Amino acid sequence: MSNSGVLAQNMWMQKRSLPQIGRWAADVARAALIAVAVAVAPAAPAAPVLAAATPGKLPAWSSGYFYIHHISTGRGNATYFVMPDGTTMLIDAGEADPEFAKMVAPLKAFPPLPDGSHSAGYWIADYIRQFAPAGRPVKLDYALITHFHTDHMGTVTADKPMSRTGAYRLAGITEVADLIPIGTLVDRAAPTYDYPVDLRECARPGGLPGSNGMSLSNYLGFADYRLKHGQAVVGLKPGALDQIRLGKAGAFPTFHIRNVASSGVIWTGARDETQYYIPKDAVSDCRFDENPFSNVLTMAYGRFKYYSGGDIPGVPAYDQPWWRDVETPVSAVVGPVDVMLLDHHGNRDTVNENILRNLAPRVLVQENWLSPQPGEDVVNRMASKGLYPGPRDVFSIGMAVETRAAIGPIMDSIYKSYNGHVVIRVAPDGESYEVYVLNDANTRREIVKRFGPYRSK
């Protein structure tokens, strides 16, 4: 563990009870000390960045490589992983609600990609088929849903087709599951679905507005069908190391997945110990915000480290409670990473100063689908050398023209790509990695640009 990681762990462990307002302020102050440790640490040499404009095929996965595919559908989050031994996982399969986009007008949703002839779930499955390990049955060993919002699990409406089972409709993750077998389904609340309130009650008519209730009800029907038929459905255990593991035990001993947070419970940084960060009585009815309860995890392969935090917030509004800043305590135990997936699509309530200081990512990836993503303050923070030193490259799977124009030239100082599938290709043993941008306007998905190699921390 790096010096900054030790400081982060010590900071978190010094407070063994949940912080109240005053104690929270003390923890935030301690987080600033971590920033100092990161800032004064010797910086790794800047990696050469080579942009290749010649179209070509993404190198096929082979044993020892770790691939992270950020899939662009214009409809929400979807990240496909091929681990060093060929174990596969999908985190989220978003298919946002078109009615929501109408509600937030004049904000605009991105167009469906590569086109609107099929649903997002179909295109996610099509992408996986193209880049799955060759010579093996196409499957997902794991599918993980960070939280129960439609741009992460799929929007269900009355016109969506029924699955072959007749037990649920097809949208997002349920459609992916009908097209590609899933070994283990992971979410934040299985198998009881009773936290922070009874989610089954919330899924009933009148529990949640519009398609939200129908979508949650459909997902629970999908999970129940799997449980009834002996298919694995599990809740992410915060603090656990390698609950999600390679299929070939011991083949790549430096590869690990750490569960950092789930349902408001955060790893302390020591062994598998956790603490409730969001008070148990903070929510009392169904109309709560799922985002702070998102699953958070890191993936480490040798020197390389990747962060995925769902939609956890980090910048509470003035009328919101202190625990709406989940990013600060999470980042204190995560420490420096090489690649960070932006929380909550880069919305203005996320990517706060502490998470940037503590993670100090060399590469940042944005999975977004609405015109206000990213927020202008988020871009300013990402670009700030005052938060952490050294270069940083940002890659977005999409960007609204009006957003880029409104925020201005500062975006071009850090963004290396504004659209396309973003693939991280980590070399064997995790010593270095490359970034590929693939064309998201067709099904060939050829290389548009290549960056790297970057040296892992």
Protein backbone atom coordinates (compact mmCIF):
# COMPACT_ATOMS: atom_id res chain seq x y z
CA MET A 1 0.00 0.00 0.00
CA SER A 2 1.27 3.48 -0.85
CA ASN A 3 1.95 6.11 1.84
CA SER A 4 -1.22 7.94 0.79
CA GLY A 5 -3.18 4.71 1.05
CA VAL A 6 -1.89 4.13 4.60
CA LEU A 7 -2.84 7.69 5.54
CA ALA A 8 -6.29 7.16 4.06
CA GLN A 9 -6.75 3.96 6.02
CA ASN A 10 -5.57 5.55 9.26
CA MET A 11 -7.85 8.53 8.74
CA TRP A 12 -10.88 6.32 8.32
CA MET A 13 -10.04 4.05 11.23
CA GLN A 14 -9.53 6.88 13.71
CA LYS A 15 -13.31 7.38 13.80
CA ARG A 16 -14.94 4.07 14.66
CA SER A 17 -18.47 5.49 15.04
CA LEU A 18 -20.53 7.21 12.37
CA PRO A 19 -19.73 10.91 12.08
CA GLN A 20 -22.18 13.58 13.08
CA ILE A 21 -21.91 17.02 11.57
CA GLY A 22 -18.91 18.13 13.59
CA ARG A 23 -17.09 14.83 13.31
CA TRP A 24 -17.74 14.83 9.58
CA ALA A 25 -15.96 18.17 9.28
CA ALA A 26 -12.97 16.62 11.02
CA ASP A 27 -12.92 13.74 8.54
CA VAL A 28 -13.05 16.14 5.62
CA ALA A 29 -10.09 18.01 7.08
CA ARG A 30 -8.17 14.77 7.39
CA ALA A 31 -8.99 14.00 3.74
CA ALA A 32 -7.15 17.19 2.85
CA LEU A 33 -4.04 15.75 4.52
CA ILE A 34 -4.22 12.84 2.12
CA ALA A 35 -4.18 15.30 -0.75
CA VAL A 36 -0.94 16.73 0.57
CA ALA A 37 0.59 13.26 0.73
CA VAL A 38 -0.42 12.59 -2.86
CA ALA A 39 0.81 15.98 -4.04
CA VAL A 40 4.27 15.68 -2.54
CA ALA A 41 4.81 12.06 -3.61
CA PRO A 42 7.25 11.66 -6.50
CA ALA A 43 5.30 11.77 -9.75
CA ALA A 44 5.69 8.91 -12.24
CA PRO A 45 7.14 9.90 -15.59
CA ALA A 46 4.46 11.09 -17.99
CA ALA A 47 3.39 8.34 -20.36
CA PRO A 48 3.75 9.01 -24.06
CA VAL A 49 0.37 9.49 -25.68
CA LEU A 50 0.12 8.31 -29.27
CA ALA A 51 -3.04 9.06 -31.21
CA ALA A 52 -3.58 6.66 -34.09
CA ALA A 53 -6.22 7.80 -36.55
CA THR A 54 -5.90 4.75 -38.86
CA PRO A 55 -9.04 2.61 -38.51
CA GLY A 56 -8.43 -0.99 -37.53
CA LYS A 57 -9.63 -3.79 -35.33
CA LEU A 58 -9.19 -3.79 -31.59
CA PRO A 59 -6.57 -6.43 -30.69
CA ALA A 60 -8.38 -9.58 -29.62
CA TRP A 61 -8.27 -10.51 -25.95
CA SER A 62 -5.65 -13.10 -25.02
CA SER A 63 -4.71 -14.68 -21.72
CA GLY A 64 -3.07 -12.27 -19.28
CA TYR A 65 -4.67 -9.11 -20.67
CA PHE A 66 -7.39 -7.21 -18.80
CA TYR A 67 -9.96 -5.39 -20.96
CA ILE A 68 -12.43 -2.76 -19.75
CA HIS A 69 -15.03 -1.76 -22.37
CA HIS A 70 -17.13 1.36 -21.71
CA ILE A 71 -20.01 0.80 -24.13
CA SER A 72 -21.67 3.74 -25.85
CA THR A 73 -25.41 3.30 -26.47
CA GLY A 74 -26.63 6.86 -25.81
CA ARG A 75 -28.92 5.45 -23.12
CA GLY A 76 -26.89 4.98 -19.93
CA ASN A 77 -24.09 3.03 -18.28
CA ALA A 78 -22.73 -0.31 -19.48
CA THR A 79 -19.19 -1.54 -18.80
CA TYR A 80 -17.95 -4.93 -19.99
CA PHE A 81 -14.89 -6.57 -18.44
CA VAL A 82 -12.74 -9.43 -19.70
CA MET A 83 -10.38 -10.39 -16.89
CA PRO A 84 -6.89 -11.89 -17.29
CA ASP A 85 -8.15 -15.50 -17.30
CA GLY A 86 -11.17 -14.76 -19.50
CA THR A 87 -13.72 -14.35 -16.70
CA THR A 88 -16.33 -11.84 -17.88
CA MET A 89 -18.54 -9.31 -16.13
CA LEU A 90 -21.00 -6.58 -17.11
CA ILE A 91 -21.57 -3.65 -14.77
CA ASP A 92 -24.94 -2.05 -15.53
CA ALA A 93 -27.06 -2.23 -18.66
CA GLY A 94 -28.74 1.15 -18.80
CA GLU A 95 -31.70 2.03 -20.99
CA ALA A 96 -32.98 5.40 -19.85
CA ASP A 97 -36.63 6.38 -19.80
CA PRO A 98 -37.60 8.48 -22.86
CA GLU A 99 -40.32 10.12 -20.78
CA PHE A 100 -37.69 11.35 -18.32
CA ALA A 101 -35.88 13.10 -21.16
CA LYS A 102 -39.14 14.89 -22.03
CA MET A 103 -39.59 15.92 -18.40
CA VAL A 104 -36.18 17.61 -18.23
CA ALA A 105 -36.51 19.53 -21.52
CA PRO A 106 -34.85 21.65 -22.83
CA LEU A 107 -32.07 19.33 -21.69
CA LYS A 108 -31.50 16.67 -24.31
CA ALA A 109 -30.83 12.97 -24.28
CA PHE A 110 -28.24 11.63 -26.72
CA PRO A 111 -29.47 9.79 -29.82
CA PRO A 112 -29.54 5.99 -29.59
CA LEU A 113 -26.32 4.36 -30.81
CA PRO A 114 -25.38 2.91 -33.20
CA ASP A 115 -29.00 3.58 -34.25
CA GLY A 116 -32.56 3.27 -33.02
CA SER A 117 -33.37 0.02 -34.83
CA HIS A 118 -32.81 -1.96 -31.63
CA SER A 119 -32.90 -1.36 -27.90
CA ALA A 120 -29.87 -0.58 -25.75
CA GLY A 121 -30.01 -4.09 -24.27
CA TYR A 122 -29.77 -5.61 -27.72
CA TRP A 123 -26.80 -3.43 -28.68
CA ILE A 124 -24.99 -4.21 -25.40
CA ALA A 125 -25.37 -7.93 -26.10
CA ASP A 126 -24.23 -7.42 -29.69
CA TYR A 127 -21.12 -5.60 -28.47
CA ILE A 128 -20.33 -8.36 -25.99
CA ARG A 129 -20.62 -11.02 -28.69
CA GLN A 130 -18.10 -9.14 -30.82
CA PHE A 131 -15.46 -8.77 -28.10
CA ALA A 132 -15.99 -11.88 -25.98
CA PRO A 133 -12.98 -14.22 -25.63
CA ALA A 134 -12.66 -16.24 -28.82
CA GLY A 135 -13.05 -20.00 -28.77
CA ARG A 136 -15.32 -20.00 -25.71
CA PRO A 137 -19.10 -19.94 -25.26
CA VAL A 138 -20.33 -16.34 -25.11
CA LYS A 139 -21.53 -15.74 -21.57
CA LEU A 140 -21.32 -13.37 -18.63
CA ASP A 141 -19.84 -14.94 -15.52
CA TYR A 142 -21.13 -11.94 -13.56
CA ALA A 143 -23.60 -9.14 -14.17
CA LEU A 144 -23.64 -6.38 -11.55
CA ILE A 145 -26.24 -3.62 -11.19
CA THR A 146 -24.85 -0.66 -9.24
CA HIS A 147 -28.30 0.59 -8.19
CA PHE A 148 -31.93 0.52 -9.21
CA HIS A 149 -32.19 3.42 -11.66
CA THR A 150 -33.30 2.88 -15.23
CA ASP A 151 -30.18 4.33 -16.86
CA HIS A 152 -28.30 1.52 -15.10
CA MET A 153 -30.76 -1.40 -15.31
CA GLY A 154 -33.29 -0.56 -18.07
CA THR A 155 -36.67 1.13 -18.41
CA VAL A 156 -39.74 -1.12 -18.54
CA THR A 157 -42.99 0.07 -20.07
CA ALA A 158 -46.16 -1.79 -20.99
CA ASP A 159 -45.09 -2.14 -24.62
CA LYS A 160 -41.81 -3.92 -23.86
CA PRO A 161 -41.81 -7.57 -25.04
CA MET A 162 -42.07 -10.42 -22.57
CA SER A 163 -39.10 -12.69 -22.02
CA ARG A 164 -39.13 -16.26 -23.22
CA THR A 165 -39.86 -17.24 -19.61
CA GLY A 166 -43.00 -15.12 -19.45
CA ALA A 167 -41.90 -13.91 -16.01
CA TYR A 168 -40.62 -10.44 -16.89
CA ARG A 169 -40.30 -7.94 -19.73
CA LEU A 170 -37.16 -7.23 -21.72
CA ALA A 171 -35.27 -3.99 -21.16
CA GLY A 172 -31.69 -3.32 -20.17
CA ILE A 173 -30.24 -6.10 -18.03
CA THR A 174 -33.24 -8.43 -18.48
CA GLU A 175 -32.88 -8.24 -22.27
CA VAL A 176 -29.14 -8.85 -22.05
CA ALA A 177 -29.88 -11.92 -19.92
CA ASP A 178 -32.28 -13.28 -22.55
CA LEU A 179 -29.56 -12.94 -25.19
CA ILE A 180 -26.45 -13.94 -23.20
CA PRO A 181 -26.39 -16.37 -20.24
CA ILE A 182 -25.51 -14.80 -16.88
CA GLY A 183 -23.77 -16.92 -14.25
CA THR A 184 -24.19 -14.74 -11.14
CA LEU A 185 -26.38 -11.65 -10.86
CA VAL A 186 -25.09 -9.14 -8.29
CA ASP A 187 -26.92 -6.10 -6.95
CA ARG A 188 -26.97 -4.01 -3.77
CA ALA A 189 -29.97 -5.57 -2.00
CA ALA A 190 -30.34 -9.27 -2.86
CA PRO A 191 -31.82 -11.54 -1.76
CA THR A 192 -34.16 -9.78 0.71
CA TYR A 193 -34.57 -6.42 -1.08
CA ASP A 194 -35.57 -4.73 2.16
CA TYR A 195 -33.00 -1.96 2.56
CA PRO A 196 -33.20 0.94 3.23
CA VAL A 197 -36.95 0.27 2.89
CA ASP A 198 -38.99 -2.65 1.56
CA LEU A 199 -38.24 -2.42 -2.15
CA ARG A 200 -41.01 -4.87 -3.01
CA GLU A 201 -43.52 -2.46 -1.51
CA CYS A 202 -41.93 0.36 -3.50
CA ALA A 203 -42.33 -1.67 -6.70
CA ARG A 204 -46.08 -2.03 -6.26
CA PRO A 205 -48.51 0.34 -8.01
CA GLY A 206 -48.36 3.75 -6.37
CA GLY A 207 -45.03 3.08 -4.70
CA LEU A 208 -42.88 4.89 -7.27
CA PRO A 209 -43.96 7.28 -10.02
CA GLY A 210 -44.26 6.33 -13.70
CA SER A 211 -41.95 3.74 -15.18
CA ASN A 212 -39.71 3.71 -12.09
CA GLY A 213 -42.03 1.41 -10.17
CA MET A 214 -42.69 -0.78 -13.19
CA SER A 215 -38.96 -1.06 -13.91
CA LEU A 216 -38.11 -1.99 -10.32
CA SER A 217 -40.98 -4.48 -10.20
CA ASN A 218 -39.74 -6.05 -13.42
CA TYR A 219 -36.18 -6.33 -12.13
CA LEU A 220 -37.37 -7.97 -8.91
CA GLY A 221 -39.44 -10.40 -10.98
CA PHE A 222 -36.30 -11.21 -12.96
CA ALA A 223 -34.28 -11.78 -9.78
CA ASP A 224 -37.05 -13.91 -8.25
CA TYR A 225 -37.28 -16.05 -11.39
CA ARG A 226 -33.55 -16.68 -11.24
CA LEU A 227 -33.68 -17.60 -7.55
CA LYS A 228 -36.64 -19.92 -8.10
CA HIS A 229 -34.77 -21.75 -10.86
CA GLY A 230 -31.47 -22.14 -9.02
CA GLN A 231 -29.62 -19.28 -10.76
CA ALA A 232 -27.33 -17.23 -8.54
CA VAL A 233 -28.51 -13.81 -7.31
CA VAL A 234 -26.39 -12.24 -4.57
CA GLY A 235 -25.95 -8.93 -2.82
CA LEU A 236 -22.58 -7.21 -3.01
CA LYS A 237 -20.85 -7.58 0.37
CA PRO A 238 -19.16 -4.28 1.22
CA GLY A 239 -15.56 -4.76 2.32
CA ALA A 240 -15.19 -8.21 0.77
CA LEU A 241 -12.12 -9.03 -1.29
CA ASP A 242 -12.77 -11.27 -4.29
CA GLN A 243 -16.44 -11.99 -3.74
CA ILE A 244 -16.24 -11.50 -7.50
CA ARG A 245 -13.29 -13.69 -8.45
CA LEU A 246 -11.48 -15.19 -11.40
CA GLY A 247 -12.67 -18.52 -12.66
CA LYS A 248 -9.15 -19.92 -12.59
CA ALA A 249 -8.21 -19.63 -8.93
CA GLY A 250 -4.57 -18.63 -8.42
CA ALA A 251 -3.83 -18.20 -12.13
CA PHE A 252 -3.27 -14.44 -11.76
CA PRO A 253 -2.51 -13.81 -8.08
CA THR A 254 -2.12 -10.03 -8.45
CA PHE A 255 -5.68 -9.57 -9.74
CA HIS A 256 -8.29 -8.68 -7.11
CA ILE A 257 -11.69 -7.00 -6.92
CA ARG A 258 -12.41 -5.09 -3.71
CA ASN A 259 -15.98 -4.26 -2.73
CA VAL A 260 -15.73 -0.74 -1.30
CA ALA A 261 -19.33 0.24 -0.57
CA SER A 262 -22.89 -0.94 -0.97
CA SER A 263 -26.24 0.34 0.34
CA GLY A 264 -24.56 3.09 2.34
CA VAL A 265 -22.13 0.73 4.10
CA ILE A 266 -18.45 1.54 3.48
CA TRP A 267 -15.28 -0.49 3.91
CA THR A 268 -13.03 0.89 6.66
CA GLY A 269 -9.80 0.06 4.84
CA ALA A 270 -8.85 -2.69 7.31
CA ARG A 271 -9.41 -6.35 6.46
CA ASP A 272 -13.10 -6.73 5.54
CA GLU A 273 -14.43 -4.39 8.25
CA THR A 274 -17.23 -1.98 7.39
CA GLN A 275 -19.31 0.78 8.96
CA TYR A 276 -22.74 2.19 8.25
CA TYR A 277 -22.04 5.61 6.79
CA ILE A 278 -25.60 6.54 5.83
CA PRO A 279 -27.63 6.36 9.06
CA LYS A 280 -30.04 3.43 9.13
CA ASP A 281 -32.98 5.72 9.79
CA ALA A 282 -32.08 8.24 7.06
CA VAL A 283 -34.78 6.95 4.70
CA SER A 284 -38.38 6.23 5.66
CA ASP A 285 -40.36 5.94 2.42
CA CYS A 286 -40.05 4.77 -1.17
CA ARG A 287 -39.26 8.15 -2.69
CA PHE A 288 -35.63 8.12 -1.64
CA ASP A 289 -32.68 8.65 -3.95
CA GLU A 290 -30.93 5.42 -4.93
CA ASN A 291 -27.67 7.12 -5.90
CA PRO A 292 -25.95 7.26 -2.48
CA PHE A 293 -26.65 3.54 -2.02
CA SER A 294 -24.75 2.53 -5.19
CA ASN A 295 -22.30 -0.35 -5.31
CA VAL A 296 -18.67 0.82 -5.41
CA LEU A 297 -15.67 -1.36 -6.22
CA THR A 298 -12.07 -1.30 -7.39
CA MET A 299 -10.16 -3.72 -9.59
CA ALA A 300 -6.42 -4.15 -9.14
CA TYR A 301 -4.02 -6.02 -11.43
CA GLY A 302 -0.43 -5.71 -10.33
CA ARG A 303 0.33 -1.98 -10.29
CA PHE A 304 -2.85 -1.10 -12.19
CA LYS A 305 -6.04 0.01 -10.40
CA TYR A 306 -9.52 0.90 -11.69
CA TYR A 307 -12.41 2.58 -9.85
CA SER A 308 -16.16 2.28 -10.47
CA GLY A 309 -18.61 4.04 -8.14
CA GLY A 310 -22.03 3.97 -9.78
CA ASP A 311 -23.88 7.19 -9.07
CA ILE A 312 -22.59 8.04 -5.59
CA PRO A 313 -22.78 11.82 -4.99
CA GLY A 314 -20.09 14.04 -3.52
CA VAL A 315 -21.47 17.58 -3.57
CA PRO A 316 -24.63 17.87 -1.44
CA ALA A 317 -27.06 20.67 -2.13
CA TYR A 318 -27.48 23.22 0.66
CA ASP A 319 -30.69 21.58 1.87
CA GLN A 320 -29.30 18.02 1.82
CA PRO A 321 -27.75 16.08 4.73
CA TRP A 322 -24.01 15.62 5.19
CA TRP A 323 -24.14 11.94 4.24
CA ARG A 324 -24.96 12.91 0.66
CA ASP A 325 -21.19 13.28 0.28
CA VAL A 326 -20.32 9.62 -0.19
CA GLU A 327 -17.30 10.31 -2.40
CA THR A 328 -15.08 11.69 0.38
CA PRO A 329 -15.14 8.64 2.71
CA VAL A 330 -15.04 6.25 -0.24
CA SER A 331 -12.02 7.97 -1.75
CA ALA A 332 -10.20 7.96 1.59
CA VAL A 333 -10.04 4.15 1.57
CA VAL A 334 -9.61 3.70 -2.19
CA GLY A 335 -6.47 5.85 -2.58
CA PRO A 336 -4.67 6.46 -5.90
CA VAL A 337 -5.93 4.75 -9.07
CA ASP A 338 -4.89 4.71 -12.70
CA VAL A 339 -8.35 4.89 -14.27
CA MET A 340 -11.49 6.39 -12.73
CA LEU A 341 -15.01 6.03 -14.10
CA LEU A 342 -16.71 9.32 -13.24
CA ASP A 343 -19.45 8.99 -10.64
CA HIS A 344 -23.00 9.80 -11.75
CA HIS A 345 -22.02 10.45 -15.37
CA GLY A 346 -20.05 13.54 -14.33
CA ASN A 347 -23.17 15.35 -13.10
CA ARG A 348 -22.62 18.53 -11.09
CA ASP A 349 -23.25 16.79 -7.74
CA THR A 350 -20.25 14.48 -8.11
CA VAL A 351 -16.48 14.26 -8.68
CA ASN A 352 -15.70 16.46 -5.71
CA GLU A 353 -12.31 17.81 -4.68
CA ASN A 354 -11.53 15.00 -2.25
CA ILE A 355 -12.14 12.15 -4.66
CA LEU A 356 -9.90 13.78 -7.26
CA ARG A 357 -7.16 14.46 -4.71
CA ASN A 358 -7.26 10.98 -3.25
CA LEU A 359 -7.66 8.97 -6.45
CA ALA A 360 -5.43 11.27 -8.58
CA PRO A 361 -6.42 9.40 -11.77
CA ARG A 362 -4.25 9.55 -14.87
CA VAL A 363 -7.21 8.58 -17.06
CA LEU A 364 -10.87 9.45 -16.42
CA VAL A 365 -13.79 7.95 -18.35
CA GLN A 366 -17.26 9.47 -18.56
CA GLU A 367 -20.32 7.33 -19.35
CA ASN A 368 -23.01 9.92 -20.00
CA TRP A 369 -26.27 10.29 -21.94
CA LEU A 370 -27.74 13.75 -21.17
CA SER A 371 -26.69 17.22 -22.30
CA PRO A 372 -25.91 18.60 -18.78
CA GLN A 373 -23.23 15.93 -18.32
CA PRO A 374 -20.57 16.95 -17.35
CA GLY A 375 -21.24 19.87 -15.07
CA GLU A 376 -19.00 22.90 -15.62
CA ASP A 377 -17.67 22.77 -12.05
CA VAL A 378 -16.81 19.10 -12.57
CA VAL A 379 -14.70 19.99 -15.62
CA ASN A 380 -12.94 22.76 -13.71
CA ARG A 381 -12.10 20.36 -10.89
CA MET A 382 -10.85 17.66 -13.23
CA ALA A 383 -8.61 20.17 -14.98
CA SER A 384 -7.21 21.67 -11.76
CA LYS A 385 -3.53 20.95 -11.11
CA GLY A 386 -4.12 22.36 -7.65
CA LEU A 387 -6.02 19.22 -6.67
CA TYR A 388 -3.34 16.83 -7.87
CA PRO A 389 -0.28 17.27 -10.05
CA GLY A 390 0.57 15.81 -13.42
CA PRO A 391 -1.29 15.23 -16.66
CA ARG A 392 -4.74 13.71 -16.91
CA ASP A 393 -6.71 12.52 -19.95
CA VAL A 394 -10.52 12.41 -20.03
CA PHE A 395 -12.50 10.24 -22.45
CA SER A 396 -16.25 10.56 -22.87
CA ILE A 397 -18.56 8.11 -24.63
CA GLY A 398 -20.66 11.08 -25.79
CA MET A 399 -20.94 14.84 -25.58
CA ALA A 400 -23.67 17.32 -26.50
CA VAL A 401 -22.52 20.08 -28.83
CA GLU A 402 -24.14 22.74 -26.66
CA THR A 403 -22.39 21.43 -23.53
CA ARG A 404 -18.96 21.63 -25.13
CA ALA A 405 -19.71 25.12 -26.43
CA ALA A 406 -21.05 26.38 -23.09
CA ILE A 407 -18.15 25.11 -20.96
CA GLY A 408 -15.56 26.27 -23.45
CA PRO A 409 -11.88 25.68 -24.23
CA ILE A 410 -11.02 24.20 -20.83
CA MET A 411 -12.65 21.00 -22.03
CA ASP A 412 -10.18 20.63 -24.88
CA SER A 413 -7.32 20.94 -22.39
CA ILE A 414 -8.20 17.62 -20.76
CA TYR A 415 -10.68 15.76 -22.99
CA LYS A 416 -8.98 13.51 -25.55
CA SER A 417 -12.18 12.12 -27.05
CA TYR A 418 -15.82 13.23 -26.97
CA ASN A 419 -17.58 10.16 -28.34
CA GLY A 420 -17.13 6.45 -28.98
CA HIS A 421 -16.69 3.25 -27.02
CA VAL A 422 -13.72 3.66 -24.65
CA VAL A 423 -11.61 0.54 -24.09
CA ILE A 424 -8.84 0.19 -21.51
CA ARG A 425 -6.39 -2.58 -22.45
CA VAL A 426 -4.19 -3.50 -19.50
CA ALA A 427 -0.99 -5.41 -20.29
CA PRO A 428 -0.13 -8.68 -18.52
CA ASP A 429 0.85 -8.14 -14.86
CA GLY A 430 -0.68 -4.64 -15.01
CA GLU A 431 2.53 -2.73 -15.67
CA SER A 432 1.02 -0.55 -18.40
CA TYR A 433 -2.21 0.09 -20.26
CA GLU A 434 -3.55 1.67 -23.45
CA VAL A 435 -6.80 3.47 -24.27
CA TYR A 436 -8.66 2.75 -27.51
CA VAL A 437 -11.59 4.79 -28.81
CA LEU A 438 -13.89 2.76 -31.08
CA ASN A 439 -16.47 4.01 -33.55
CA ASP A 440 -19.92 3.88 -31.93
CA ALA A 441 -21.84 4.83 -35.10
CA ASN A 442 -21.64 1.36 -36.68
CA THR A 443 -21.40 -2.30 -35.72
CA ARG A 444 -17.83 -2.72 -37.01
CA ARG A 445 -16.60 -0.72 -34.03
CA GLU A 446 -13.23 -0.02 -35.59
CA ILE A 447 -10.46 1.90 -33.84
CA VAL A 448 -10.72 5.66 -34.19
CA LYS A 449 -7.86 6.63 -31.88
CA ARG A 450 -5.30 4.96 -29.65
CA PHE A 451 -3.56 6.49 -26.65
CA GLY A 452 -0.64 5.21 -24.63
CA PRO A 453 0.98 3.16 -23.40
CA TYR A 454 0.51 4.66 -19.95
CA ARG A 455 2.66 3.45 -17.09
CA SER A 456 0.64 2.05 -14.17
CA LYS A 457 1.20 3.58 -10.73
